[in-house]
Amino acid sequence: MSDPASPNDPLKAAWLSQPVELTQMTAIDLARSSAGFERKVRRRNLMEYVAGGFAAAAFAAMGVFSHQNWTTRAGDVAIILGLAVMLWQLHRRGSPARTPAGGTTESLLG
């Protein structure tokens, strides 16, 4: 088998010789696609927030209502704190940026 970095690689040449389909998107298509992606991300985040809340409530209930020793309760607290950090990071890093209302094509693409 030839080296993939070699300029004489037949697989690389075949891949590079394929025709390229160019897709033209209007500003309306771009805004619609962006809004759909933002909805998906928000829905995913909401499901994660709800699941994290249920998990935190379950570990809090186990820590309060079950007869555990202090190390197990400390573990419950650590899990709840870890969930809080994870959900905060999801909100901070995983939330979509707001699309500017009434933005021009240049502002959406730039």
PDB file of N, CA and C in Angstrom:
ATOM      1  N   MET A   1       0.850  -1.173   0.000  1.00  0.00           N
ATOM      2  CA  MET A   1       0.000   0.000   0.000  1.00  0.00           C
ATOM      3  C   MET A   1       0.893   1.233   0.000  1.00  0.00           C
ATOM      4  N   SER A   2       0.533   2.236  -0.775  1.00  0.00           N
ATOM      5  CA  SER A   2       1.369   3.427  -0.870  1.00  0.00           C
ATOM      6  C   SER A   2       1.106   4.373   0.290  1.00  0.00           C
ATOM      7  N   ASP A   3       2.044   5.255   0.493  1.00  0.00           N
ATOM      8  CA  ASP A   3       1.954   6.230   1.575  1.00  0.00           C
ATOM      9  C   ASP A   3       0.846   7.231   1.270  1.00  0.00           C
ATOM     10  N   PRO A   4      -0.133   7.435   2.189  1.00  0.00           N
ATOM     11  CA  PRO A   4      -1.234   8.364   1.917  1.00  0.00           C
ATOM     12  C   PRO A   4      -0.777   9.803   1.747  1.00  0.00           C
ATOM     13  N   ALA A   5       0.393  10.144   2.274  1.00  0.00           N
ATOM     14  CA  ALA A   5       0.885  11.512   2.123  1.00  0.00           C
ATOM     15  C   ALA A   5       1.585  11.710   0.789  1.00  0.00           C
ATOM     16  N   SER A   6       1.826  10.629   0.067  1.00  0.00           N
ATOM     17  CA  SER A   6       2.530  10.699  -1.207  1.00  0.00           C
ATOM     18  C   SER A   6       1.661  11.379  -2.261  1.00  0.00           C
ATOM     19  N   PRO A   7       2.252  12.251  -3.089  1.00  0.00           N
ATOM     20  CA  PRO A   7       1.456  12.896  -4.140  1.00  0.00           C
ATOM     21  C   PRO A   7       1.015  11.922  -5.235  1.00  0.00           C
ATOM     22  N   ASN A   8       1.617  10.736  -5.291  1.00  0.00           N
ATOM     23  CA  ASN A   8       1.272   9.744  -6.304  1.00  0.00           C
ATOM     24  C   ASN A   8       0.257   8.715  -5.798  1.00  0.00           C
ATOM     25  N   ASP A   9      -0.375   8.969  -4.694  1.00  0.00           N
ATOM     26  CA  ASP A   9      -1.342   8.038  -4.115  1.00  0.00           C
ATOM     27  C   ASP A   9      -2.600   8.012  -4.981  1.00  0.00           C
ATOM     28  N   PRO A  10      -2.987   6.843  -5.541  1.00  0.00           N
ATOM     29  CA  PRO A  10      -4.165   6.803  -6.424  1.00  0.00           C
ATOM     30  C   PRO A  10      -5.477   7.073  -5.693  1.00  0.00           C
ATOM     31  N   LEU A  11      -5.593   6.660  -4.413  1.00  0.00           N
ATOM     32  CA  LEU A  11      -6.830   6.944  -3.676  1.00  0.00           C
ATOM     33  C   LEU A  11      -6.999   8.435  -3.438  1.00  0.00           C
ATOM     34  N   LYS A  12      -5.904   9.098  -3.101  1.00  0.00           N
ATOM     35  CA  LYS A  12      -5.975  10.536  -2.885  1.00  0.00           C
ATOM     36  C   LYS A  12      -6.302  11.261  -4.188  1.00  0.00           C
ATOM     37  N   ALA A  13      -5.713  10.819  -5.272  1.00  0.00           N
ATOM     38  CA  ALA A  13      -5.983  11.436  -6.568  1.00  0.00           C
ATOM     39  C   ALA A  13      -7.436  11.237  -6.967  1.00  0.00           C
ATOM     40  N   ALA A  14      -7.981  10.028  -6.726  1.00  0.00           N
ATOM     41  CA  ALA A  14      -9.385   9.767  -7.054  1.00  0.00           C
ATOM     42  C   ALA A  14     -10.309  10.631  -6.206  1.00  0.00           C
ATOM     43  N   TRP A  15      -9.963  10.789  -4.936  1.00  0.00           N
ATOM     44  CA  TRP A  15     -10.796  11.611  -4.059  1.00  0.00           C
ATOM     45  C   TRP A  15     -10.761  13.074  -4.492  1.00  0.00           C
ATOM     46  N   LEU A  16      -9.580  13.556  -4.844  1.00  0.00           N
ATOM     47  CA  LEU A  16      -9.448  14.959  -5.239  1.00  0.00           C
ATOM     48  C   LEU A  16     -10.065  15.239  -6.602  1.00  0.00           C
ATOM     49  N   SER A  17     -10.218  14.209  -7.443  1.00  0.00           N
ATOM     50  CA  SER A  17     -10.757  14.429  -8.783  1.00  0.00           C
ATOM     51  C   SER A  17     -12.285  14.388  -8.819  1.00  0.00           C
ATOM     52  N   GLN A  18     -12.934  14.124  -7.708  1.00  0.00           N
ATOM     53  CA  GLN A  18     -14.392  14.079  -7.682  1.00  0.00           C
ATOM     54  C   GLN A  18     -14.960  15.467  -7.927  1.00  0.00           C
ATOM     55  N   PRO A  19     -16.118  15.528  -8.579  1.00  0.00           N
ATOM     56  CA  PRO A  19     -16.750  16.840  -8.758  1.00  0.00           C
ATOM     57  C   PRO A  19     -17.260  17.383  -7.418  1.00  0.00           C
ATOM     58  N   VAL A  20     -17.185  18.675  -7.264  1.00  0.00           N
ATOM     59  CA  VAL A  20     -17.616  19.327  -6.030  1.00  0.00           C
ATOM     60  C   VAL A  20     -18.967  19.983  -6.281  1.00  0.00           C
ATOM     61  N   GLU A  21     -19.925  19.654  -5.418  1.00  0.00           N
ATOM     62  CA  GLU A  21     -21.237  20.282  -5.531  1.00  0.00           C
ATOM     63  C   GLU A  21     -21.255  21.541  -4.679  1.00  0.00           C
ATOM     64  N   LEU A  22     -21.535  22.652  -5.311  1.00  0.00           N
ATOM     65  CA  LEU A  22     -21.620  23.907  -4.577  1.00  0.00           C
ATOM     66  C   LEU A  22     -23.079  24.170  -4.243  1.00  0.00           C
ATOM     67  N   THR A  23     -23.335  24.477  -2.998  1.00  0.00           N
ATOM     68  CA  THR A  23     -24.694  24.750  -2.552  1.00  0.00           C
ATOM     69  C   THR A  23     -24.826  26.242  -2.298  1.00  0.00           C
ATOM     70  N   GLN A  24     -25.811  26.831  -2.916  1.00  0.00           N
ATOM     71  CA  GLN A  24     -26.074  28.244  -2.704  1.00  0.00           C
ATOM     72  C   GLN A  24     -27.166  28.380  -1.637  1.00  0.00           C
ATOM     73  N   MET A  25     -26.879  29.124  -0.592  1.00  0.00           N
ATOM     74  CA  MET A  25     -27.868  29.361   0.450  1.00  0.00           C
ATOM     75  C   MET A  25     -28.203  30.841   0.480  1.00  0.00           C
ATOM     76  N   THR A  26     -29.479  31.122   0.552  1.00  0.00           N
ATOM     77  CA  THR A  26     -29.884  32.505   0.711  1.00  0.00           C
ATOM     78  C   THR A  26     -29.809  32.856   2.199  1.00  0.00           C
ATOM     79  N   ALA A  27     -29.911  34.119   2.510  1.00  0.00           N
ATOM     80  CA  ALA A  27     -29.886  34.550   3.905  1.00  0.00           C
ATOM     81  C   ALA A  27     -31.071  33.952   4.663  1.00  0.00           C
ATOM     82  N   ILE A  28     -32.202  33.805   3.991  1.00  0.00           N
ATOM     83  CA  ILE A  28     -33.383  33.221   4.634  1.00  0.00           C
ATOM     84  C   ILE A  28     -33.130  31.748   4.946  1.00  0.00           C
ATOM     85  N   ASP A  29     -32.533  31.015   3.992  1.00  0.00           N
ATOM     86  CA  ASP A  29     -32.200  29.607   4.233  1.00  0.00           C
ATOM     87  C   ASP A  29     -31.208  29.473   5.383  1.00  0.00           C
ATOM     88  N   LEU A  30     -30.224  30.355   5.402  1.00  0.00           N
ATOM     89  CA  LEU A  30     -29.223  30.323   6.463  1.00  0.00           C
ATOM     90  C   LEU A  30     -29.853  30.611   7.819  1.00  0.00           C
ATOM     91  N   ALA A  31     -30.724  31.609   7.884  1.00  0.00           N
ATOM     92  CA  ALA A  31     -31.391  31.944   9.143  1.00  0.00           C
ATOM     93  C   ALA A  31     -32.306  30.805   9.593  1.00  0.00           C
ATOM     94  N   ARG A  32     -33.006  30.166   8.649  1.00  0.00           N
ATOM     95  CA  ARG A  32     -33.902  29.051   8.983  1.00  0.00           C
ATOM     96  C   ARG A  32     -33.090  27.861   9.504  1.00  0.00           C
ATOM     97  N   SER A  33     -31.988  27.568   8.844  1.00  0.00           N
ATOM     98  CA  SER A  33     -31.134  26.470   9.284  1.00  0.00           C
ATOM     99  C   SER A  33     -30.541  26.755  10.661  1.00  0.00           C
ATOM    100  N   SER A  34     -30.122  27.981  10.872  1.00  0.00           N
ATOM    101  CA  SER A  34     -29.563  28.374  12.165  1.00  0.00           C
ATOM    102  C   SER A  34     -30.610  28.271  13.268  1.00  0.00           C
ATOM    103  N   ALA A  35     -31.823  28.717  12.996  1.00  0.00           N
ATOM    104  CA  ALA A  35     -32.891  28.643  13.994  1.00  0.00           C
ATOM    105  C   ALA A  35     -33.226  27.195  14.328  1.00  0.00           C
ATOM    106  N   GLY A  36     -33.231  26.316  13.329  1.00  0.00           N
ATOM    107  CA  GLY A  36     -33.495  24.901  13.579  1.00  0.00           C
ATOM    108  C   GLY A  36     -32.406  24.268  14.439  1.00  0.00           C
ATOM    109  N   PHE A  37     -31.151  24.616  14.164  1.00  0.00           N
ATOM    110  CA  PHE A  37     -30.050  24.092  14.960  1.00  0.00           C
ATOM    111  C   PHE A  37     -30.134  24.601  16.394  1.00  0.00           C
ATOM    112  N   GLU A  38     -30.462  25.882  16.569  1.00  0.00           N
ATOM    113  CA  GLU A  38     -30.597  26.440  17.917  1.00  0.00           C
ATOM    114  C   GLU A  38     -31.707  25.738  18.691  1.00  0.00           C
ATOM    115  N   ARG A  39     -32.821  25.427  18.018  1.00  0.00           N
ATOM    116  CA  ARG A  39     -33.920  24.704  18.683  1.00  0.00           C
ATOM    117  C   ARG A  39     -33.458  23.333  19.149  1.00  0.00           C
ATOM    118  N   LYS A  40     -32.709  22.620  18.297  1.00  0.00           N
ATOM    119  CA  LYS A  40     -32.211  21.302  18.677  1.00  0.00           C
ATOM    120  C   LYS A  40     -31.294  21.379  19.886  1.00  0.00           C
ATOM    121  N   VAL A  41     -30.412  22.362  19.893  1.00  0.00           N
ATOM    122  CA  VAL A  41     -29.471  22.501  21.006  1.00  0.00           C
ATOM    123  C   VAL A  41     -30.217  22.865  22.281  1.00  0.00           C
ATOM    124  N   ARG A  42     -31.181  23.778  22.190  1.00  0.00           N
ATOM    125  CA  ARG A  42     -31.952  24.155  23.376  1.00  0.00           C
ATOM    126  C   ARG A  42     -32.754  22.969  23.923  1.00  0.00           C
ATOM    127  N   ARG A  43     -33.332  22.168  23.027  1.00  0.00           N
ATOM    128  CA  ARG A  43     -34.094  20.987  23.451  1.00  0.00           C
ATOM    129  C   ARG A  43     -33.170  19.975  24.136  1.00  0.00           C
ATOM    130  N   ARG A  44     -31.999  19.767  23.566  1.00  0.00           N
ATOM    131  CA  ARG A  44     -31.032  18.853  24.187  1.00  0.00           C
ATOM    132  C   ARG A  44     -30.621  19.361  25.559  1.00  0.00           C
ATOM    133  N   ASN A  45     -30.331  20.662  25.655  1.00  0.00           N
ATOM    134  CA  ASN A  45     -29.931  21.231  26.938  1.00  0.00           C
ATOM    135  C   ASN A  45     -31.047  21.107  27.961  1.00  0.00           C
ATOM    136  N   LEU A  46     -32.287  21.347  27.565  1.00  0.00           N
ATOM    137  CA  LEU A  46     -33.410  21.231  28.492  1.00  0.00           C
ATOM    138  C   LEU A  46     -33.516  19.807  29.025  1.00  0.00           C
ATOM    139  N   MET A  47     -33.350  18.824  28.145  1.00  0.00           N
ATOM    140  CA  MET A  47     -33.406  17.437  28.605  1.00  0.00           C
ATOM    141  C   MET A  47     -32.273  17.144  29.589  1.00  0.00           C
ATOM    142  N   GLU A  48     -31.091  17.689  29.342  1.00  0.00           N
ATOM    143  CA  GLU A  48     -29.965  17.494  30.257  1.00  0.00           C
ATOM    144  C   GLU A  48     -30.219  18.174  31.600  1.00  0.00           C
ATOM    145  N   TYR A  49     -30.799  19.381  31.581  1.00  0.00           N
ATOM    146  CA  TYR A  49     -31.110  20.082  32.828  1.00  0.00           C
ATOM    147  C   TYR A  49     -32.124  19.290  33.655  1.00  0.00           C
ATOM    148  N   VAL A  50     -33.160  18.779  32.998  1.00  0.00           N
ATOM    149  CA  VAL A  50     -34.191  18.010  33.706  1.00  0.00           C
ATOM    150  C   VAL A  50     -33.591  16.723  34.275  1.00  0.00           C
ATOM    151  N   ALA A  51     -32.797  16.017  33.467  1.00  0.00           N
ATOM    152  CA  ALA A  51     -32.175  14.776  33.944  1.00  0.00           C
ATOM    153  C   ALA A  51     -31.215  15.061  35.095  1.00  0.00           C
ATOM    154  N   GLY A  52     -30.451  16.147  34.996  1.00  0.00           N
ATOM    155  CA  GLY A  52     -29.542  16.513  36.082  1.00  0.00           C
ATOM    156  C   GLY A  52     -30.299  16.872  37.346  1.00  0.00           C
ATOM    157  N   GLY A  53     -31.432  17.547  37.197  1.00  0.00           N
ATOM    158  CA  GLY A  53     -32.248  17.885  38.357  1.00  0.00           C
ATOM    159  C   GLY A  53     -32.819  16.645  39.036  1.00  0.00           C
ATOM    160  N   PHE A  54     -33.305  15.692  38.222  1.00  0.00           N
ATOM    161  CA  PHE A  54     -33.805  14.439  38.791  1.00  0.00           C
ATOM    162  C   PHE A  54     -32.693  13.678  39.510  1.00  0.00           C
ATOM    163  N   ALA A  55     -31.522  13.620  38.895  1.00  0.00           N
ATOM    164  CA  ALA A  55     -30.406  12.898  39.515  1.00  0.00           C
ATOM    165  C   ALA A  55     -29.992  13.570  40.819  1.00  0.00           C
ATOM    166  N   ALA A  56     -29.914  14.904  40.811  1.00  0.00           N
ATOM    167  CA  ALA A  56     -29.538  15.618  42.033  1.00  0.00           C
ATOM    168  C   ALA A  56     -30.580  15.391  43.124  1.00  0.00           C
ATOM    169  N   ALA A  57     -31.858  15.427  42.750  1.00  0.00           N
ATOM    170  CA  ALA A  57     -32.920  15.183  43.733  1.00  0.00           C
ATOM    171  C   ALA A  57     -32.840  13.760  44.288  1.00  0.00           C
ATOM    172  N   ALA A  58     -32.537  12.801  43.429  1.00  0.00           N
ATOM    173  CA  ALA A  58     -32.434  11.415  43.885  1.00  0.00           C
ATOM    174  C   ALA A  58     -31.273  11.244  44.863  1.00  0.00           C
ATOM    175  N   PHE A  59     -30.115  11.835  44.548  1.00  0.00           N
ATOM    176  CA  PHE A  59     -28.973  11.700  45.460  1.00  0.00           C
ATOM    177  C   PHE A  59     -29.199  12.485  46.751  1.00  0.00           C
ATOM    178  N   ALA A  60     -29.917  13.612  46.662  1.00  0.00           N
ATOM    179  CA  ALA A  60     -30.244  14.357  47.878  1.00  0.00           C
ATOM    180  C   ALA A  60     -31.197  13.540  48.757  1.00  0.00           C
ATOM    181  N   ALA A  61     -32.177  12.911  48.144  1.00  0.00           N
ATOM    182  CA  ALA A  61     -33.119  12.092  48.904  1.00  0.00           C
ATOM    183  C   ALA A  61     -32.413  10.900  49.537  1.00  0.00           C
ATOM    184  N   MET A  62     -31.498  10.279  48.797  1.00  0.00           N
ATOM    185  CA  MET A  62     -30.749   9.151  49.375  1.00  0.00           C
ATOM    186  C   MET A  62     -29.902   9.625  50.554  1.00  0.00           C
ATOM    187  N   GLY A  63     -29.315  10.810  50.433  1.00  0.00           N
ATOM    188  CA  GLY A  63     -28.484  11.310  51.522  1.00  0.00           C
ATOM    189  C   GLY A  63     -29.276  11.686  52.751  1.00  0.00           C
ATOM    190  N   VAL A  64     -30.504  12.159  52.556  1.00  0.00           N
ATOM    191  CA  VAL A  64     -31.316  12.619  53.683  1.00  0.00           C
ATOM    192  C   VAL A  64     -32.113  11.474  54.310  1.00  0.00           C
ATOM    193  N   PHE A  65     -32.751  10.654  53.486  1.00  0.00           N
ATOM    194  CA  PHE A  65     -33.715   9.690  54.007  1.00  0.00           C
ATOM    195  C   PHE A  65     -33.169   8.295  54.286  1.00  0.00           C
ATOM    196  N   SER A  66     -32.063   7.940  53.693  1.00  0.00           N
ATOM    197  CA  SER A  66     -31.557   6.595  53.957  1.00  0.00           C
ATOM    198  C   SER A  66     -30.586   6.641  55.134  1.00  0.00           C
ATOM    199  N   HIS A  67     -30.414   5.523  55.741  1.00  0.00           N
ATOM    200  CA  HIS A  67     -29.538   5.430  56.918  1.00  0.00           C
ATOM    201  C   HIS A  67     -28.146   5.029  56.440  1.00  0.00           C
ATOM    202  N   GLN A  68     -27.377   6.048  56.100  1.00  0.00           N
ATOM    203  CA  GLN A  68     -26.047   5.815  55.570  1.00  0.00           C
ATOM    204  C   GLN A  68     -25.005   6.370  56.532  1.00  0.00           C
ATOM    205  N   ASN A  69     -23.768   5.926  56.346  1.00  0.00           N
ATOM    206  CA  ASN A  69     -22.688   6.514  57.126  1.00  0.00           C
ATOM    207  C   ASN A  69     -22.258   7.837  56.478  1.00  0.00           C
ATOM    208  N   TRP A  70     -21.381   8.560  57.134  1.00  0.00           N
ATOM    209  CA  TRP A  70     -21.016   9.896  56.655  1.00  0.00           C
ATOM    210  C   TRP A  70     -20.238   9.859  55.346  1.00  0.00           C
ATOM    211  N   THR A  71     -19.498   8.807  55.060  1.00  0.00           N
ATOM    212  CA  THR A  71     -18.743   8.758  53.807  1.00  0.00           C
ATOM    213  C   THR A  71     -19.671   8.603  52.606  1.00  0.00           C
ATOM    214  N   THR A  72     -20.725   7.830  52.768  1.00  0.00           N
ATOM    215  CA  THR A  72     -21.681   7.683  51.680  1.00  0.00           C
ATOM    216  C   THR A  72     -22.435   8.982  51.456  1.00  0.00           C
ATOM    217  N   ARG A  73     -22.774   9.673  52.525  1.00  0.00           N
ATOM    218  CA  ARG A  73     -23.439  10.976  52.384  1.00  0.00           C
ATOM    219  C   ARG A  73     -22.512  11.996  51.742  1.00  0.00           C
ATOM    220  N   ALA A  74     -21.223  11.933  52.081  1.00  0.00           N
ATOM    221  CA  ALA A  74     -20.256  12.831  51.437  1.00  0.00           C
ATOM    222  C   ALA A  74     -20.173  12.526  49.941  1.00  0.00           C
ATOM    223  N   GLY A  75     -20.269  11.256  49.583  1.00  0.00           N
ATOM    224  CA  GLY A  75     -20.299  10.880  48.171  1.00  0.00           C
ATOM    225  C   GLY A  75     -21.522  11.428  47.460  1.00  0.00           C
ATOM    226  N   ASP A  76     -22.667  11.377  48.141  1.00  0.00           N
ATOM    227  CA  ASP A  76     -23.892  11.951  47.564  1.00  0.00           C
ATOM    228  C   ASP A  76     -23.720  13.445  47.313  1.00  0.00           C
ATOM    229  N   VAL A  77     -23.127  14.136  48.270  1.00  0.00           N
ATOM    230  CA  VAL A  77     -22.899  15.579  48.118  1.00  0.00           C
ATOM    231  C   VAL A  77     -21.933  15.841  46.965  1.00  0.00           C
ATOM    232  N   ALA A  78     -20.875  15.020  46.866  1.00  0.00           N
ATOM    233  CA  ALA A  78     -19.905  15.196  45.786  1.00  0.00           C
ATOM    234  C   ALA A  78     -20.553  14.984  44.422  1.00  0.00           C
ATOM    235  N   ILE A  79     -21.436  14.013  44.324  1.00  0.00           N
ATOM    236  CA  ILE A  79     -22.130  13.776  43.054  1.00  0.00           C
ATOM    237  C   ILE A  79     -23.033  14.955  42.715  1.00  0.00           C
ATOM    238  N   ILE A  80     -23.737  15.488  43.703  1.00  0.00           N
ATOM    239  CA  ILE A  80     -24.613  16.637  43.465  1.00  0.00           C
ATOM    240  C   ILE A  80     -23.784  17.840  43.021  1.00  0.00           C
ATOM    241  N   LEU A  81     -22.645  18.076  43.663  1.00  0.00           N
ATOM    242  CA  LEU A  81     -21.774  19.185  43.252  1.00  0.00           C
ATOM    243  C   LEU A  81     -21.234  18.957  41.838  1.00  0.00           C
ATOM    244  N   GLY A  82     -20.871  17.728  41.526  1.00  0.00           N
ATOM    245  CA  GLY A  82     -20.409  17.413  40.175  1.00  0.00           C
ATOM    246  C   GLY A  82     -21.489  17.649  39.131  1.00  0.00           C
ATOM    247  N   LEU A  83     -22.718  17.277  39.456  1.00  0.00           N
ATOM    248  CA  LEU A  83     -23.837  17.548  38.551  1.00  0.00           C
ATOM    249  C   LEU A  83     -24.038  19.042  38.348  1.00  0.00           C
ATOM    250  N   ALA A  84     -23.907  19.805  39.430  1.00  0.00           N
ATOM    251  CA  ALA A  84     -24.065  21.257  39.317  1.00  0.00           C
ATOM    252  C   ALA A  84     -22.994  21.856  38.409  1.00  0.00           C
ATOM    253  N   VAL A  85     -21.763  21.407  38.566  1.00  0.00           N
ATOM    254  CA  VAL A  85     -20.682  21.915  37.711  1.00  0.00           C
ATOM    255  C   VAL A  85     -20.918  21.507  36.262  1.00  0.00           C
ATOM    256  N   MET A  86     -21.327  20.271  36.046  1.00  0.00           N
ATOM    257  CA  MET A  86     -21.583  19.805  34.690  1.00  0.00           C
ATOM    258  C   MET A  86     -22.699  20.601  34.023  1.00  0.00           C
ATOM    259  N   LEU A  87     -23.780  20.849  34.745  1.00  0.00           N
ATOM    260  CA  LEU A  87     -24.887  21.609  34.168  1.00  0.00           C
ATOM    261  C   LEU A  87     -24.503  23.062  33.933  1.00  0.00           C
ATOM    262  N   TRP A  88     -23.694  23.641  34.819  1.00  0.00           N
ATOM    263  CA  TRP A  88     -23.220  25.012  34.618  1.00  0.00           C
ATOM    264  C   TRP A  88     -22.344  25.086  33.372  1.00  0.00           C
ATOM    265  N   GLN A  89     -21.452  24.111  33.193  1.00  0.00           N
ATOM    266  CA  GLN A  89     -20.588  24.095  32.017  1.00  0.00           C
ATOM    267  C   GLN A  89     -21.412  23.872  30.738  1.00  0.00           C
ATOM    268  N   LEU A  90     -22.443  23.051  30.814  1.00  0.00           N
ATOM    269  CA  LEU A  90     -23.323  22.865  29.662  1.00  0.00           C
ATOM    270  C   LEU A  90     -23.981  24.182  29.292  1.00  0.00           C
ATOM    271  N   HIS A  91     -24.456  24.909  30.298  1.00  0.00           N
ATOM    272  CA  HIS A  91     -25.084  26.195  30.031  1.00  0.00           C
ATOM    273  C   HIS A  91     -24.075  27.193  29.475  1.00  0.00           C
ATOM    274  N   ARG A  92     -22.893  27.198  30.056  1.00  0.00           N
ATOM    275  CA  ARG A  92     -21.868  28.167  29.663  1.00  0.00           C
ATOM    276  C   ARG A  92     -21.285  27.877  28.280  1.00  0.00           C
ATOM    277  N   ARG A  93     -20.983  26.627  28.001  1.00  0.00           N
ATOM    278  CA  ARG A  93     -20.295  26.269  26.768  1.00  0.00           C
ATOM    279  C   ARG A  93     -21.187  25.635  25.704  1.00  0.00           C
ATOM    280  N   GLY A  94     -22.326  25.089  26.120  1.00  0.00           N
ATOM    281  CA  GLY A  94     -23.155  24.339  25.187  1.00  0.00           C
ATOM    282  C   GLY A  94     -24.399  25.048  24.717  1.00  0.00           C
ATOM    283  N   SER A  95     -24.593  26.286  25.156  1.00  0.00           N
ATOM    284  CA  SER A  95     -25.773  27.027  24.718  1.00  0.00           C
ATOM    285  C   SER A  95     -25.456  27.737  23.406  1.00  0.00           C
ATOM    286  N   PRO A  96     -26.416  27.766  22.491  1.00  0.00           N
ATOM    287  CA  PRO A  96     -26.162  28.433  21.223  1.00  0.00           C
ATOM    288  C   PRO A  96     -26.087  29.937  21.406  1.00  0.00           C
ATOM    289  N   ALA A  97     -25.248  30.573  20.594  1.00  0.00           N
ATOM    290  CA  ALA A  97     -25.176  32.033  20.599  1.00  0.00           C
ATOM    291  C   ALA A  97     -26.458  32.570  19.976  1.00  0.00           C
ATOM    292  N   ARG A  98     -26.884  33.676  20.456  1.00  0.00           N
ATOM    293  CA  ARG A  98     -28.110  34.276  19.936  1.00  0.00           C
ATOM    294  C   ARG A  98     -27.860  34.832  18.535  1.00  0.00           C
ATOM    295  N   THR A  99     -28.766  34.501  17.600  1.00  0.00           N
ATOM    296  CA  THR A  99     -28.704  35.079  16.270  1.00  0.00           C
ATOM    297  C   THR A  99     -29.255  36.489  16.351  1.00  0.00           C
ATOM    298  N   PRO A 100     -28.521  37.462  15.817  1.00  0.00           N
ATOM    299  CA  PRO A 100     -29.016  38.831  15.905  1.00  0.00           C
ATOM    300  C   PRO A 100     -30.313  38.996  15.124  1.00  0.00           C
ATOM    301  N   ALA A 101     -31.278  39.609  15.766  1.00  0.00           N
ATOM    302  CA  ALA A 101     -32.569  39.848  15.118  1.00  0.00           C
ATOM    303  C   ALA A 101     -32.391  40.901  14.035  1.00  0.00           C
ATOM    304  N   GLY A 102     -32.926  40.615  12.873  1.00  0.00           N
ATOM    305  CA  GLY A 102     -32.827  41.570  11.778  1.00  0.00           C
ATOM    306  C   GLY A 102     -31.422  41.716  11.223  1.00  0.00           C
ATOM    307  N   GLY A 103     -30.596  40.733  11.444  1.00  0.00           N
ATOM    308  CA  GLY A 103     -29.225  40.797  10.957  1.00  0.00           C
ATOM    309  C   GLY A 103     -29.150  40.728   9.454  1.00  0.00           C
ATOM    310  N   THR A 104     -28.147  41.370   8.888  1.00  0.00           N
ATOM    311  CA  THR A 104     -27.944  41.328   7.451  1.00  0.00           C
ATOM    312  C   THR A 104     -27.211  40.037   7.105  1.00  0.00           C
ATOM    313  N   THR A 105     -27.158  39.741   5.826  1.00  0.00           N
ATOM    314  CA  THR A 105     -26.446  38.540   5.390  1.00  0.00           C
ATOM    315  C   THR A 105     -24.995  38.597   5.801  1.00  0.00           C
ATOM    316  N   GLU A 106     -24.396  39.771   5.706  1.00  0.00           N
ATOM    317  CA  GLU A 106     -22.984  39.911   6.069  1.00  0.00           C
ATOM    318  C   GLU A 106     -22.786  39.671   7.563  1.00  0.00           C
ATOM    319  N   SER A 107     -23.717  40.131   8.401  1.00  0.00           N
ATOM    320  CA  SER A 107     -23.569  39.934   9.837  1.00  0.00           C
ATOM    321  C   SER A 107     -23.767  38.459  10.213  1.00  0.00           C
ATOM    322  N   LEU A 108     -24.634  37.745   9.463  1.00  0.00           N
ATOM    323  CA  LEU A 108     -24.841  36.333   9.736  1.00  0.00           C
ATOM    324  C   LEU A 108     -23.662  35.490   9.268  1.00  0.00           C
ATOM    325  N   LEU A 109     -23.042  35.877   8.179  1.00  0.00           N
ATOM    326  CA  LEU A 109     -21.922  35.116   7.637  1.00  0.00           C
ATOM    327  C   LEU A 109     -20.593  35.527   8.213  1.00  0.00           C
ATOM    328  N   GLY A 110     -20.496  36.749   8.677  1.00  0.00           N
ATOM    329  CA  GLY A 110     -19.218  37.306   9.128  1.00  0.00           C
ATOM    330  C   GLY A 110     -18.879  36.905  10.489  1.00  0.00           C
TER     331      GLY A 110
END
